[in-house]
């Protein structure tokens, strides 16, 4: 069987009230694939609470282009 090369590595993280640690978590997840030239995306799904997690993610996105913040709609 012929294996296809990796097209895109998707890392999906649920975030429930994680405004204090999500930026560092995403930065660490970004480093390794970048070092090895692995095409990737980091999808963080915010649970829609009002703790500013999504605001933090929006700020971090400017430095981490593979970050895709998603707000879960209730």
Foldseek 3Di string as FASTA:
>chain_A
DDDDDDDEAEAEAEDELCLPCPLVVVVVVQPVCVVVVGHYAYEYEYAQDDNCNVVSQVVSCVVRVRYDYHYDDD
